[in-house]
Amino acid sequence: MSITMWAWWGIGLGLVLWLIALSLTRSPRTPSDGMVCSMSTGTATGTGVGVYLPVVWHHSFFSSALFGFAAGAVVGWLIGWKSGVRGVLEGTVAGWMGGLMGAMTAVMVPAQSGVLLFRLTSVLVAGVLFMVFLLLSAHRSSTEKGSSLFSPLLFFVVILGFLMVSHFHSPASWDHGPMHEQHGAGGWWV
């Protein structure tokens, strides 16, 4: 596994863990804010994983959708649990939807468009995660202002690192391989 793959997974996981820690330390202003954060993060995480696995690691649609669903649902659940059952439900369903959308989009695009799809998805995921950060960090007490957990500039720098790693990801691993050949045989779900 290349260093850019490790960096993409590491930075992406770091961003999501940062949002989870932020959601655990501070309650959202309203339950609907918590549900929006849960839904947005679950969808973005599920979509990112759902696109990455078939495009870069050549996973099948089924396994990519399952991993994307699992990642998105867990993240959505962890961020939404303070909003009660509605927040957990929003995060779970959003993760399910994002994982399926990402995997479906990745296996439907032509192999030569995989690079563009991966980079575009990374930009969209980064944008959603930054907006969720702004929602979660908006209400803090005066004692928390110095905490790096609430620093928009630091979070933005990490987001830029995520985008740089996404841009410089090794192009040698972009070929979809035999995944697209399965469409003609009627076995695209395997």
N, C-alpha and C. Protein backbone atom coordinates (compact mmCIF):
# COMPACT_ATOMS: atom_id res chain seq x y z
N MET A 1 0.86 -1.18 0.00
CA MET A 1 0.00 0.00 0.00
C MET A 1 0.90 1.24 0.00
N SER A 2 0.61 2.18 -0.86
CA SER A 2 1.45 3.37 -1.01
C SER A 2 1.25 4.33 0.16
N ILE A 3 2.19 5.26 0.27
CA ILE A 3 2.12 6.24 1.36
C ILE A 3 0.92 7.17 1.18
N THR A 4 0.53 7.44 -0.08
CA THR A 4 -0.63 8.31 -0.28
C THR A 4 -1.92 7.60 0.14
N MET A 5 -1.98 6.28 -0.05
CA MET A 5 -3.17 5.55 0.44
C MET A 5 -3.25 5.62 1.95
N TRP A 6 -2.12 5.39 2.62
CA TRP A 6 -2.09 5.48 4.08
C TRP A 6 -2.46 6.89 4.53
N ALA A 7 -1.93 7.88 3.85
CA ALA A 7 -2.21 9.27 4.22
C ALA A 7 -3.69 9.60 4.01
N TRP A 8 -4.28 9.14 2.90
CA TRP A 8 -5.70 9.42 2.65
C TRP A 8 -6.56 8.83 3.75
N TRP A 9 -6.33 7.57 4.08
CA TRP A 9 -7.10 6.92 5.14
C TRP A 9 -6.82 7.56 6.50
N GLY A 10 -5.55 7.86 6.78
CA GLY A 10 -5.19 8.43 8.08
C GLY A 10 -5.77 9.82 8.30
N ILE A 11 -5.61 10.68 7.31
CA ILE A 11 -6.14 12.05 7.45
C ILE A 11 -7.66 12.03 7.48
N GLY A 12 -8.27 11.22 6.61
CA GLY A 12 -9.73 11.13 6.60
C GLY A 12 -10.27 10.62 7.93
N LEU A 13 -9.63 9.59 8.48
CA LEU A 13 -10.05 9.07 9.78
C LEU A 13 -9.83 10.11 10.87
N GLY A 14 -8.71 10.84 10.79
CA GLY A 14 -8.44 11.90 11.76
C GLY A 14 -9.51 12.99 11.74
N LEU A 15 -9.92 13.39 10.55
CA LEU A 15 -10.97 14.41 10.44
C LEU A 15 -12.28 13.94 11.04
N VAL A 16 -12.65 12.69 10.75
CA VAL A 16 -13.91 12.15 11.28
C VAL A 16 -13.82 11.99 12.80
N LEU A 17 -12.69 11.51 13.31
CA LEU A 17 -12.54 11.38 14.76
C LEU A 17 -12.57 12.74 15.44
N TRP A 18 -12.03 13.75 14.79
CA TRP A 18 -12.07 15.12 15.32
C TRP A 18 -13.52 15.58 15.46
N LEU A 19 -14.32 15.32 14.42
CA LEU A 19 -15.74 15.71 14.49
C LEU A 19 -16.48 14.92 15.56
N ILE A 20 -16.15 13.66 15.71
CA ILE A 20 -16.80 12.85 16.75
C ILE A 20 -16.44 13.40 18.13
N ALA A 21 -15.16 13.71 18.34
CA ALA A 21 -14.73 14.28 19.63
C ALA A 21 -15.43 15.61 19.89
N LEU A 22 -15.55 16.41 18.86
CA LEU A 22 -16.22 17.70 19.00
C LEU A 22 -17.70 17.52 19.34
N SER A 23 -18.33 16.54 18.70
CA SER A 23 -19.76 16.31 18.98
C SER A 23 -19.96 15.72 20.38
N LEU A 24 -18.98 15.03 20.91
CA LEU A 24 -19.10 14.47 22.25
C LEU A 24 -18.86 15.50 23.34
N THR A 25 -18.02 16.51 23.05
CA THR A 25 -17.72 17.52 24.07
C THR A 25 -18.78 18.62 24.13
N ARG A 26 -19.40 18.92 23.02
CA ARG A 26 -20.40 19.99 22.99
C ARG A 26 -21.68 19.48 22.36
N SER A 27 -22.79 19.79 22.97
CA SER A 27 -24.09 19.46 22.38
C SER A 27 -24.40 20.48 21.30
N PRO A 28 -25.00 20.04 20.21
CA PRO A 28 -25.42 21.01 19.19
C PRO A 28 -26.44 21.98 19.77
N ARG A 29 -26.55 23.13 19.15
CA ARG A 29 -27.48 24.16 19.62
C ARG A 29 -28.90 23.64 19.71
N THR A 30 -29.33 22.92 18.70
CA THR A 30 -30.68 22.34 18.69
C THR A 30 -30.56 20.87 18.27
N PRO A 31 -31.56 20.06 18.59
CA PRO A 31 -31.53 18.67 18.11
C PRO A 31 -31.48 18.58 16.59
N SER A 32 -32.10 19.53 15.90
CA SER A 32 -32.06 19.47 14.43
C SER A 32 -30.64 19.74 13.91
N ASP A 33 -29.85 20.59 14.60
CA ASP A 33 -28.45 20.78 14.21
C ASP A 33 -27.69 19.47 14.34
N GLY A 34 -27.93 18.76 15.42
CA GLY A 34 -27.27 17.46 15.62
C GLY A 34 -27.66 16.46 14.55
N MET A 35 -28.93 16.48 14.15
CA MET A 35 -29.38 15.55 13.11
C MET A 35 -28.76 15.91 11.76
N VAL A 36 -28.63 17.21 11.47
CA VAL A 36 -28.01 17.64 10.22
C VAL A 36 -26.54 17.22 10.20
N CYS A 37 -25.84 17.41 11.31
CA CYS A 37 -24.43 17.00 11.39
C CYS A 37 -24.29 15.49 11.22
N SER A 38 -25.18 14.74 11.85
CA SER A 38 -25.17 13.29 11.75
C SER A 38 -25.41 12.82 10.32
N MET A 39 -26.42 13.39 9.70
CA MET A 39 -26.76 13.02 8.33
C MET A 39 -25.64 13.39 7.36
N SER A 40 -25.12 14.61 7.50
CA SER A 40 -24.09 15.08 6.57
C SER A 40 -22.81 14.27 6.68
N THR A 41 -22.38 14.02 7.91
CA THR A 41 -21.15 13.27 8.10
C THR A 41 -21.31 11.81 7.69
N GLY A 42 -22.45 11.22 8.00
CA GLY A 42 -22.71 9.84 7.59
C GLY A 42 -22.71 9.68 6.08
N THR A 43 -23.38 10.60 5.39
CA THR A 43 -23.42 10.55 3.93
C THR A 43 -22.04 10.77 3.32
N ALA A 44 -21.31 11.78 3.81
CA ALA A 44 -19.99 12.09 3.26
C ALA A 44 -19.02 10.93 3.48
N THR A 45 -19.02 10.36 4.67
CA THR A 45 -18.12 9.25 4.97
C THR A 45 -18.47 8.02 4.13
N GLY A 46 -19.75 7.68 4.08
CA GLY A 46 -20.18 6.53 3.29
C GLY A 46 -19.85 6.69 1.82
N THR A 47 -20.08 7.88 1.29
CA THR A 47 -19.79 8.14 -0.12
C THR A 47 -18.30 8.08 -0.40
N GLY A 48 -17.49 8.69 0.48
CA GLY A 48 -16.04 8.66 0.28
C GLY A 48 -15.48 7.25 0.26
N VAL A 49 -15.88 6.44 1.22
CA VAL A 49 -15.41 5.05 1.28
C VAL A 49 -15.98 4.25 0.12
N GLY A 50 -17.26 4.48 -0.20
CA GLY A 50 -17.91 3.77 -1.30
C GLY A 50 -17.27 4.04 -2.65
N VAL A 51 -16.76 5.23 -2.86
CA VAL A 51 -16.06 5.56 -4.12
C VAL A 51 -14.63 5.04 -4.09
N TYR A 52 -13.95 5.19 -2.97
CA TYR A 52 -12.54 4.84 -2.88
C TYR A 52 -12.30 3.35 -3.14
N LEU A 53 -13.08 2.51 -2.52
CA LEU A 53 -12.81 1.07 -2.60
C LEU A 53 -12.88 0.51 -4.02
N PRO A 54 -13.90 0.79 -4.82
CA PRO A 54 -13.88 0.24 -6.18
C PRO A 54 -12.90 0.94 -7.11
N VAL A 55 -12.70 2.24 -6.92
CA VAL A 55 -11.83 2.98 -7.84
C VAL A 55 -10.36 2.66 -7.58
N VAL A 56 -9.94 2.63 -6.33
CA VAL A 56 -8.52 2.47 -6.02
C VAL A 56 -8.17 1.03 -5.67
N TRP A 57 -9.01 0.35 -4.92
CA TRP A 57 -8.68 -1.01 -4.48
C TRP A 57 -9.40 -2.08 -5.29
N HIS A 58 -10.18 -1.71 -6.25
CA HIS A 58 -10.86 -2.63 -7.16
C HIS A 58 -11.82 -3.58 -6.45
N HIS A 59 -12.44 -3.12 -5.39
CA HIS A 59 -13.45 -3.94 -4.71
C HIS A 59 -14.69 -4.05 -5.58
N SER A 60 -15.46 -5.08 -5.36
CA SER A 60 -16.73 -5.24 -6.08
C SER A 60 -17.74 -4.24 -5.54
N PHE A 61 -18.83 -4.09 -6.28
CA PHE A 61 -19.89 -3.19 -5.84
C PHE A 61 -20.42 -3.60 -4.47
N PHE A 62 -20.66 -4.88 -4.29
CA PHE A 62 -21.25 -5.37 -3.06
C PHE A 62 -20.38 -5.06 -1.84
N SER A 63 -19.11 -5.41 -1.92
CA SER A 63 -18.24 -5.16 -0.76
C SER A 63 -18.01 -3.68 -0.53
N SER A 64 -17.90 -2.90 -1.60
CA SER A 64 -17.73 -1.45 -1.46
C SER A 64 -18.96 -0.81 -0.82
N ALA A 65 -20.13 -1.25 -1.25
CA ALA A 65 -21.35 -0.71 -0.67
C ALA A 65 -21.47 -1.08 0.81
N LEU A 66 -21.12 -2.32 1.15
CA LEU A 66 -21.18 -2.74 2.56
C LEU A 66 -20.21 -1.96 3.43
N PHE A 67 -18.97 -1.82 2.97
CA PHE A 67 -17.98 -1.07 3.76
C PHE A 67 -18.36 0.40 3.85
N GLY A 68 -18.83 0.98 2.74
CA GLY A 68 -19.26 2.38 2.76
C GLY A 68 -20.44 2.59 3.69
N PHE A 69 -21.40 1.67 3.63
CA PHE A 69 -22.55 1.74 4.52
C PHE A 69 -22.12 1.64 5.97
N ALA A 70 -21.26 0.68 6.27
CA ALA A 70 -20.82 0.48 7.66
C ALA A 70 -20.08 1.71 8.18
N ALA A 71 -19.15 2.24 7.39
CA ALA A 71 -18.38 3.40 7.83
C ALA A 71 -19.29 4.61 8.03
N GLY A 72 -20.15 4.89 7.07
CA GLY A 72 -21.05 6.03 7.16
C GLY A 72 -22.04 5.91 8.30
N ALA A 73 -22.60 4.71 8.50
CA ALA A 73 -23.58 4.50 9.55
C ALA A 73 -22.96 4.65 10.94
N VAL A 74 -21.77 4.09 11.12
CA VAL A 74 -21.11 4.20 12.43
C VAL A 74 -20.77 5.65 12.75
N VAL A 75 -20.21 6.36 11.79
CA VAL A 75 -19.87 7.76 12.01
C VAL A 75 -21.13 8.60 12.24
N GLY A 76 -22.15 8.39 11.44
CA GLY A 76 -23.41 9.11 11.63
C GLY A 76 -24.03 8.83 12.97
N TRP A 77 -23.96 7.59 13.40
CA TRP A 77 -24.51 7.21 14.71
C TRP A 77 -23.73 7.88 15.83
N LEU A 78 -22.40 7.86 15.75
CA LEU A 78 -21.59 8.45 16.81
C LEU A 78 -21.79 9.96 16.92
N ILE A 79 -21.99 10.63 15.81
CA ILE A 79 -22.21 12.07 15.86
C ILE A 79 -23.64 12.40 16.25
N GLY A 80 -24.59 11.55 15.89
CA GLY A 80 -25.99 11.87 16.13
C GLY A 80 -26.59 11.37 17.42
N TRP A 81 -25.85 10.62 18.22
CA TRP A 81 -26.47 10.02 19.40
C TRP A 81 -26.93 11.03 20.43
N LYS A 82 -26.31 12.21 20.49
CA LYS A 82 -26.76 13.23 21.44
C LYS A 82 -28.09 13.84 21.03
N SER A 83 -28.48 13.65 19.78
CA SER A 83 -29.77 14.16 19.31
C SER A 83 -30.88 13.12 19.49
N GLY A 84 -30.57 12.04 20.15
CA GLY A 84 -31.58 11.02 20.44
C GLY A 84 -31.77 10.05 19.30
N VAL A 85 -32.90 9.38 19.35
CA VAL A 85 -33.20 8.35 18.35
C VAL A 85 -33.23 8.94 16.95
N ARG A 86 -33.75 10.14 16.81
CA ARG A 86 -33.83 10.76 15.48
C ARG A 86 -32.43 10.99 14.90
N GLY A 87 -31.50 11.45 15.74
CA GLY A 87 -30.14 11.67 15.26
C GLY A 87 -29.46 10.38 14.84
N VAL A 88 -29.66 9.33 15.62
CA VAL A 88 -29.07 8.03 15.29
C VAL A 88 -29.69 7.49 14.01
N LEU A 89 -31.00 7.63 13.88
CA LEU A 89 -31.69 7.16 12.67
C LEU A 89 -31.22 7.94 11.44
N GLU A 90 -31.10 9.25 11.56
CA GLU A 90 -30.60 10.08 10.45
C GLU A 90 -29.21 9.63 10.02
N GLY A 91 -28.31 9.46 10.99
CA GLY A 91 -26.94 9.06 10.67
C GLY A 91 -26.85 7.68 10.05
N THR A 92 -27.64 6.74 10.57
CA THR A 92 -27.61 5.38 10.05
C THR A 92 -28.11 5.32 8.61
N VAL A 93 -29.25 5.94 8.37
CA VAL A 93 -29.82 5.91 7.02
C VAL A 93 -28.95 6.71 6.04
N ALA A 94 -28.39 7.82 6.50
CA ALA A 94 -27.51 8.62 5.64
C ALA A 94 -26.25 7.85 5.28
N GLY A 95 -25.68 7.12 6.24
CA GLY A 95 -24.51 6.30 5.94
C GLY A 95 -24.83 5.20 4.95
N TRP A 96 -25.98 4.59 5.11
CA TRP A 96 -26.43 3.55 4.20
C TRP A 96 -26.57 4.13 2.79
N MET A 97 -27.22 5.26 2.69
CA MET A 97 -27.42 5.90 1.40
C MET A 97 -26.09 6.33 0.77
N GLY A 98 -25.20 6.93 1.58
CA GLY A 98 -23.92 7.38 1.05
C GLY A 98 -23.06 6.23 0.56
N GLY A 99 -23.00 5.15 1.32
CA GLY A 99 -22.21 3.99 0.91
C GLY A 99 -22.70 3.40 -0.40
N LEU A 100 -24.01 3.27 -0.53
CA LEU A 100 -24.59 2.73 -1.76
C LEU A 100 -24.38 3.68 -2.93
N MET A 101 -24.59 4.99 -2.70
CA MET A 101 -24.39 5.98 -3.77
C MET A 101 -22.95 5.99 -4.27
N GLY A 102 -22.00 6.01 -3.32
CA GLY A 102 -20.60 6.05 -3.70
C GLY A 102 -20.18 4.84 -4.50
N ALA A 103 -20.53 3.65 -4.01
CA ALA A 103 -20.15 2.42 -4.71
C ALA A 103 -20.82 2.33 -6.07
N MET A 104 -22.09 2.70 -6.14
CA MET A 104 -22.82 2.63 -7.40
C MET A 104 -22.22 3.60 -8.42
N THR A 105 -21.92 4.80 -7.99
CA THR A 105 -21.31 5.78 -8.90
C THR A 105 -19.96 5.30 -9.39
N ALA A 106 -19.15 4.75 -8.48
CA ALA A 106 -17.80 4.32 -8.84
C ALA A 106 -17.81 3.18 -9.85
N VAL A 107 -18.74 2.24 -9.74
CA VAL A 107 -18.73 1.13 -10.69
C VAL A 107 -19.43 1.50 -12.00
N MET A 108 -20.19 2.60 -12.02
CA MET A 108 -20.88 2.99 -13.24
C MET A 108 -20.04 3.88 -14.15
N VAL A 109 -19.06 4.59 -13.61
CA VAL A 109 -18.27 5.48 -14.46
C VAL A 109 -17.24 4.68 -15.24
N PRO A 110 -16.85 5.17 -16.41
CA PRO A 110 -15.80 4.50 -17.16
C PRO A 110 -14.48 4.52 -16.37
N ALA A 111 -13.64 3.53 -16.61
CA ALA A 111 -12.39 3.41 -15.87
C ALA A 111 -11.53 4.67 -15.98
N GLN A 112 -11.51 5.30 -17.14
CA GLN A 112 -10.67 6.49 -17.31
C GLN A 112 -11.18 7.69 -16.53
N SER A 113 -12.42 7.66 -16.05
CA SER A 113 -12.97 8.75 -15.25
C SER A 113 -12.81 8.52 -13.75
N GLY A 114 -12.19 7.41 -13.36
CA GLY A 114 -12.02 7.10 -11.94
C GLY A 114 -11.23 8.16 -11.19
N VAL A 115 -10.17 8.69 -11.80
CA VAL A 115 -9.35 9.71 -11.16
C VAL A 115 -10.19 10.95 -10.86
N LEU A 116 -10.93 11.39 -11.86
CA LEU A 116 -11.76 12.58 -11.69
C LEU A 116 -12.84 12.36 -10.63
N LEU A 117 -13.48 11.20 -10.66
CA LEU A 117 -14.53 10.90 -9.67
C LEU A 117 -13.95 10.88 -8.26
N PHE A 118 -12.80 10.25 -8.07
CA PHE A 118 -12.19 10.19 -6.75
C PHE A 118 -11.84 11.58 -6.24
N ARG A 119 -11.24 12.40 -7.08
CA ARG A 119 -10.84 13.74 -6.66
C ARG A 119 -12.05 14.63 -6.40
N LEU A 120 -13.06 14.53 -7.24
CA LEU A 120 -14.28 15.32 -7.04
C LEU A 120 -14.98 14.90 -5.75
N THR A 121 -15.05 13.61 -5.50
CA THR A 121 -15.66 13.12 -4.27
C THR A 121 -14.89 13.60 -3.05
N SER A 122 -13.57 13.59 -3.13
CA SER A 122 -12.75 14.06 -2.01
C SER A 122 -13.01 15.53 -1.71
N VAL A 123 -13.18 16.34 -2.74
CA VAL A 123 -13.48 17.77 -2.55
C VAL A 123 -14.85 17.93 -1.88
N LEU A 124 -15.84 17.18 -2.35
CA LEU A 124 -17.18 17.28 -1.76
C LEU A 124 -17.19 16.80 -0.31
N VAL A 125 -16.50 15.70 -0.03
CA VAL A 125 -16.42 15.18 1.34
C VAL A 125 -15.74 16.20 2.24
N ALA A 126 -14.63 16.77 1.78
CA ALA A 126 -13.91 17.77 2.58
C ALA A 126 -14.79 18.98 2.87
N GLY A 127 -15.53 19.44 1.88
CA GLY A 127 -16.42 20.58 2.08
C GLY A 127 -17.51 20.31 3.09
N VAL A 128 -18.11 19.13 3.01
CA VAL A 128 -19.16 18.76 3.96
C VAL A 128 -18.58 18.65 5.37
N LEU A 129 -17.42 18.02 5.51
CA LEU A 129 -16.81 17.87 6.84
C LEU A 129 -16.46 19.23 7.44
N PHE A 130 -16.02 20.16 6.61
CA PHE A 130 -15.70 21.49 7.13
C PHE A 130 -16.96 22.21 7.59
N MET A 131 -18.05 22.08 6.84
CA MET A 131 -19.31 22.72 7.25
C MET A 131 -19.84 22.11 8.55
N VAL A 132 -19.70 20.80 8.70
CA VAL A 132 -20.12 20.15 9.94
C VAL A 132 -19.26 20.65 11.10
N PHE A 133 -17.96 20.81 10.85
CA PHE A 133 -17.08 21.35 11.88
C PHE A 133 -17.56 22.74 12.32
N LEU A 134 -17.92 23.59 11.36
CA LEU A 134 -18.38 24.93 11.70
C LEU A 134 -19.66 24.89 12.53
N LEU A 135 -20.56 23.97 12.20
CA LEU A 135 -21.79 23.83 13.00
C LEU A 135 -21.49 23.35 14.42
N LEU A 136 -20.62 22.36 14.55
CA LEU A 136 -20.33 21.79 15.86
C LEU A 136 -19.49 22.70 16.74
N SER A 137 -18.63 23.51 16.14
CA SER A 137 -17.73 24.34 16.95
C SER A 137 -18.28 25.74 17.18
N ALA A 138 -19.47 26.03 16.67
CA ALA A 138 -20.00 27.39 16.74
C ALA A 138 -20.30 27.85 18.16
N HIS A 139 -20.75 26.98 19.02
CA HIS A 139 -21.12 27.39 20.38
C HIS A 139 -20.15 26.77 21.37
N ARG A 140 -19.28 27.59 21.85
CA ARG A 140 -18.30 27.14 22.84
C ARG A 140 -18.21 28.19 23.93
N SER A 141 -17.79 27.77 25.08
CA SER A 141 -17.67 28.71 26.20
C SER A 141 -16.35 29.46 26.10
N SER A 142 -16.21 30.49 26.90
CA SER A 142 -14.98 31.30 26.85
C SER A 142 -13.76 30.50 27.29
N THR A 143 -13.93 29.47 28.10
CA THR A 143 -12.78 28.66 28.52
C THR A 143 -12.31 27.74 27.42
N GLU A 144 -13.14 27.46 26.43
CA GLU A 144 -12.77 26.54 25.35
C GLU A 144 -12.18 27.25 24.14
N LYS A 145 -12.17 28.56 24.13
CA LYS A 145 -11.72 29.30 22.95
C LYS A 145 -10.27 29.00 22.59
N GLY A 146 -9.43 28.70 23.57
CA GLY A 146 -8.03 28.42 23.28
C GLY A 146 -7.77 26.98 22.85
N SER A 147 -8.77 26.12 22.93
CA SER A 147 -8.60 24.71 22.60
C SER A 147 -8.41 24.53 21.10
N SER A 148 -7.43 23.70 20.71
CA SER A 148 -7.21 23.44 19.29
C SER A 148 -8.33 22.60 18.69
N LEU A 149 -9.13 21.96 19.54
CA LEU A 149 -10.27 21.18 19.07
C LEU A 149 -11.29 22.07 18.36
N PHE A 150 -11.34 23.37 18.74
CA PHE A 150 -12.31 24.30 18.18
C PHE A 150 -11.71 25.25 17.14
N SER A 151 -10.47 25.02 16.73
CA SER A 151 -9.78 25.94 15.83
C SER A 151 -10.17 25.69 14.37
N PRO A 152 -10.94 26.60 13.77
CA PRO A 152 -11.29 26.44 12.35
C PRO A 152 -10.07 26.47 11.44
N LEU A 153 -9.07 27.28 11.79
CA LEU A 153 -7.87 27.36 10.96
C LEU A 153 -7.12 26.02 10.96
N LEU A 154 -6.97 25.41 12.11
CA LEU A 154 -6.28 24.11 12.19
C LEU A 154 -7.07 23.04 11.44
N PHE A 155 -8.38 23.01 11.61
CA PHE A 155 -9.21 22.03 10.89
C PHE A 155 -9.10 22.25 9.39
N PHE A 156 -9.09 23.52 8.96
CA PHE A 156 -8.97 23.85 7.55
C PHE A 156 -7.62 23.38 6.99
N VAL A 157 -6.55 23.53 7.76
CA VAL A 157 -5.22 23.08 7.31
C VAL A 157 -5.22 21.56 7.13
N VAL A 158 -5.86 20.84 8.05
CA VAL A 158 -5.94 19.38 7.92
C VAL A 158 -6.79 19.01 6.70
N ILE A 159 -7.87 19.76 6.47
CA ILE A 159 -8.69 19.53 5.26
C ILE A 159 -7.85 19.75 4.01
N LEU A 160 -7.03 20.79 3.99
CA LEU A 160 -6.15 21.02 2.84
C LEU A 160 -5.17 19.86 2.65
N GLY A 161 -4.67 19.31 3.75
CA GLY A 161 -3.80 18.13 3.66
C GLY A 161 -4.54 16.96 3.03
N PHE A 162 -5.79 16.76 3.42
CA PHE A 162 -6.61 15.69 2.84
C PHE A 162 -6.78 15.90 1.34
N LEU A 163 -7.04 17.15 0.93
CA LEU A 163 -7.22 17.44 -0.49
C LEU A 163 -5.91 17.28 -1.28
N MET A 164 -4.80 17.65 -0.67
CA MET A 164 -3.50 17.48 -1.34
C MET A 164 -3.19 16.00 -1.54
N VAL A 165 -3.43 15.20 -0.51
CA VAL A 165 -3.19 13.75 -0.63
C VAL A 165 -4.11 13.16 -1.70
N SER A 166 -5.36 13.62 -1.75
CA SER A 166 -6.30 13.13 -2.76
C SER A 166 -5.82 13.49 -4.16
N HIS A 167 -5.26 14.68 -4.31
CA HIS A 167 -4.79 15.12 -5.62
C HIS A 167 -3.54 14.36 -6.07
N PHE A 168 -2.64 14.07 -5.14
CA PHE A 168 -1.39 13.42 -5.51
C PHE A 168 -1.42 11.91 -5.30
N HIS A 169 -2.60 11.35 -5.17
CA HIS A 169 -2.72 9.90 -5.02
C HIS A 169 -2.10 9.21 -6.23
N SER A 170 -1.44 8.10 -6.01
CA SER A 170 -0.68 7.41 -7.05
C SER A 170 -1.56 7.03 -8.25
N PRO A 171 -1.28 7.59 -9.43
CA PRO A 171 -2.09 7.27 -10.60
C PRO A 171 -1.88 5.86 -11.12
N ALA A 172 -0.87 5.15 -10.65
CA ALA A 172 -0.62 3.79 -11.12
C ALA A 172 -1.72 2.83 -10.67
N SER A 173 -2.45 3.18 -9.64
CA SER A 173 -3.46 2.26 -9.10
C SER A 173 -4.87 2.61 -9.55
N TRP A 174 -5.01 3.44 -10.59
CA TRP A 174 -6.34 3.92 -10.95
C TRP A 174 -7.14 2.99 -11.84
N ASP A 175 -6.53 2.03 -12.49
CA ASP A 175 -7.26 1.17 -13.40
C ASP A 175 -8.32 0.37 -12.63
N HIS A 176 -9.54 0.40 -13.12
CA HIS A 176 -10.63 -0.33 -12.46
C HIS A 176 -10.45 -1.83 -12.56
N GLY A 177 -9.62 -2.29 -13.47
CA GLY A 177 -9.41 -3.73 -13.60
C GLY A 177 -10.64 -4.41 -14.20
N PRO A 178 -10.87 -5.65 -13.80
CA PRO A 178 -11.95 -6.43 -14.42
C PRO A 178 -13.34 -6.04 -13.94
N MET A 179 -13.46 -5.08 -13.04
CA MET A 179 -14.76 -4.73 -12.49
C MET A 179 -15.75 -4.33 -13.59
N HIS A 180 -15.31 -3.53 -14.56
CA HIS A 180 -16.23 -3.07 -15.60
C HIS A 180 -16.55 -4.17 -16.60
N GLU A 181 -15.69 -5.14 -16.72
CA GLU A 181 -15.97 -6.24 -17.63
C GLU A 181 -17.12 -7.09 -17.12
N GLN A 182 -17.41 -7.04 -15.84
CA GLN A 182 -18.48 -7.84 -15.27
C GLN A 182 -19.85 -7.34 -15.69
N HIS A 183 -19.96 -6.08 -16.08
CA HIS A 183 -21.27 -5.52 -16.44
C HIS A 183 -21.91 -6.29 -17.59
N GLY A 184 -21.12 -6.60 -18.60
CA GLY A 184 -21.67 -7.30 -19.77
C GLY A 184 -22.13 -8.70 -19.44
N ALA A 185 -21.52 -9.33 -18.45
CA ALA A 185 -21.87 -10.70 -18.10
C ALA A 185 -23.02 -10.76 -17.11
N GLY A 186 -23.55 -9.62 -16.71
CA GLY A 186 -24.66 -9.59 -15.77
C GLY A 186 -24.23 -9.84 -14.34
N GLY A 187 -22.94 -9.71 -14.04
CA GLY A 187 -22.46 -9.98 -12.69
C GLY A 187 -21.91 -8.75 -12.00
N TRP A 188 -22.51 -7.60 -12.23
CA TRP A 188 -21.98 -6.34 -11.67
C TRP A 188 -22.12 -6.28 -10.17
N TRP A 189 -22.94 -7.06 -9.54
CA TRP A 189 -23.13 -6.99 -8.10
C TRP A 189 -22.17 -7.87 -7.34
N VAL A 190 -21.38 -8.66 -8.04
CA VAL A 190 -20.47 -9.59 -7.38
C VAL A 190 -19.15 -8.93 -7.09
